C-alpha atoms as a PDB file:
ATOM      1  CA  MET A   1       9.130  -6.162 -14.565  1.00  0.00           C
ATOM      2  CA  GLU A   2       8.961  -7.965 -18.078  1.00  0.00           C
ATOM      3  CA  ILE A   3       6.362 -10.210 -19.510  1.00  0.00           C
ATOM      4  CA  GLY A   4       6.540 -13.877 -17.738  1.00  0.00           C
ATOM      5  CA  GLY A   5       8.154 -12.653 -14.857  1.00  0.00           C
ATOM      6  CA  ARG A   6       7.369 -13.612 -11.226  1.00  0.00           C
ATOM      7  CA  HIS A   7       7.284 -12.644  -7.589  1.00  0.00           C
ATOM      8  CA  TYR A   8       7.113 -15.445  -5.114  1.00  0.00           C
ATOM      9  CA  TRP A   9       6.534 -14.299  -1.483  1.00  0.00           C
ATOM     10  CA  ASN A  10       6.053 -16.048   2.038  1.00  0.00           C
ATOM     11  CA  TYR A  11       2.952 -15.165   4.344  1.00  0.00           C
ATOM     12  CA  ASN A  12       3.518 -16.159   7.688  1.00  0.00           C
ATOM     13  CA  LYS A  13       0.572 -16.201  10.278  1.00  0.00           C
ATOM     14  CA  GLY A  14      -1.667 -14.011   7.883  1.00  0.00           C
ATOM     15  CA  LYS A  15      -5.165 -12.822   8.727  1.00  0.00           C
ATOM     16  CA  TRP A  16      -8.036 -13.317   6.106  1.00  0.00           C
ATOM     17  CA  PHE A  17     -11.308 -11.274   7.067  1.00  0.00           C
ATOM     18  CA  GLU A  18     -14.188 -11.468   4.687  1.00  0.00           C
ATOM     19  CA  THR A  19     -17.869 -10.483   4.352  1.00  0.00           C
ATOM     20  CA  LYS A  20     -20.191 -11.013   1.888  1.00  0.00           C
ATOM     21  CA  LYS A  21     -22.153  -8.048   0.795  1.00  0.00           C
ATOM     22  CA  THR A  22     -24.396  -9.070  -2.056  1.00  0.00           C
ATOM     23  CA  PRO A  23     -24.659 -12.606  -3.712  1.00  0.00           C
ATOM     24  CA  ASN A  24     -22.017 -12.122  -6.208  1.00  0.00           C
ATOM     25  CA  LYS A  25     -19.720  -9.459  -4.106  1.00  0.00           C
ATOM     26  CA  TRP A  26     -17.327  -9.966  -1.206  1.00  0.00           C
ATOM     27  CA  LYS A  27     -15.504  -7.214   0.890  1.00  0.00           C
ATOM     28  CA  PHE A  28     -12.039  -8.831   2.100  1.00  0.00           C
ATOM     29  CA  THR A  29      -8.729  -8.001   4.003  1.00  0.00           C
ATOM     30  CA  TYR A  30      -5.673  -9.722   4.361  1.00  0.00           C
ATOM     31  CA  ASN A  31      -2.609  -8.654   6.658  1.00  0.00           C
ATOM     32  CA  SER A  32       0.588 -10.497   7.382  1.00  0.00           C
ATOM     33  CA  LEU A  33       4.389  -9.994   7.615  1.00  0.00           C
ATOM     34  CA  LYS A  34       5.476 -10.078   3.805  1.00  0.00           C
ATOM     35  CA  THR A  35       8.943 -11.375   3.517  1.00  0.00           C
ATOM     36  CA  ARG A  36      10.931 -11.934   0.055  1.00  0.00           C
ATOM     37  CA  ASN A  37      11.573 -15.279  -1.175  1.00  0.00           C
ATOM     38  CA  ARG A  38      15.219 -14.349  -2.246  1.00  0.00           C
ATOM     39  CA  SER A  39      17.174 -10.934  -2.292  1.00  0.00           C
ATOM     40  CA  ALA A  40      15.670  -8.011  -3.589  1.00  0.00           C
ATOM     41  CA  PRO A  41      16.911  -7.072  -7.099  1.00  0.00           C
ATOM     42  CA  ILE A  42      19.456  -4.428  -7.647  1.00  0.00           C
ATOM     43  CA  ASN A  43      18.610  -0.797  -8.464  1.00  0.00           C
ATOM     44  CA  THR A  44      15.102  -1.245  -6.752  1.00  0.00           C
ATOM     45  CA  GLY A  45      15.772   0.909  -4.056  1.00  0.00           C
ATOM     46  CA  ALA A  46      15.846  -1.598  -1.351  1.00  0.00           C
ATOM     47  CA  ASP A  47      18.602  -2.307   0.538  1.00  0.00           C
ATOM     48  CA  ASN A  48      21.106  -5.429  -0.257  1.00  0.00           C
ATOM     49  CA  GLN A  49      19.974  -8.660   1.420  1.00  0.00           C
ATOM     50  CA  THR A  50      16.401  -7.073   2.480  1.00  0.00           C
ATOM     51  CA  ARG A  51      13.982  -9.527   3.409  1.00  0.00           C
ATOM     52  CA  TYR A  52      11.284  -6.954   4.907  1.00  0.00           C
ATOM     53  CA  HIS A  53       9.732  -3.855   3.314  1.00  0.00           C
END
């Protein structure tokens, strides 16, 4: 991707879990279904009109 390029993603019903390990360190996980905000770009390997991957 070129400099200044952007991705926009929609995360539906995401689950965030975090644990404080030290005063300055956290361990976290985030799980969700990721969908595209628009169709996948041409020549990316994703099928045309792909929303999930």
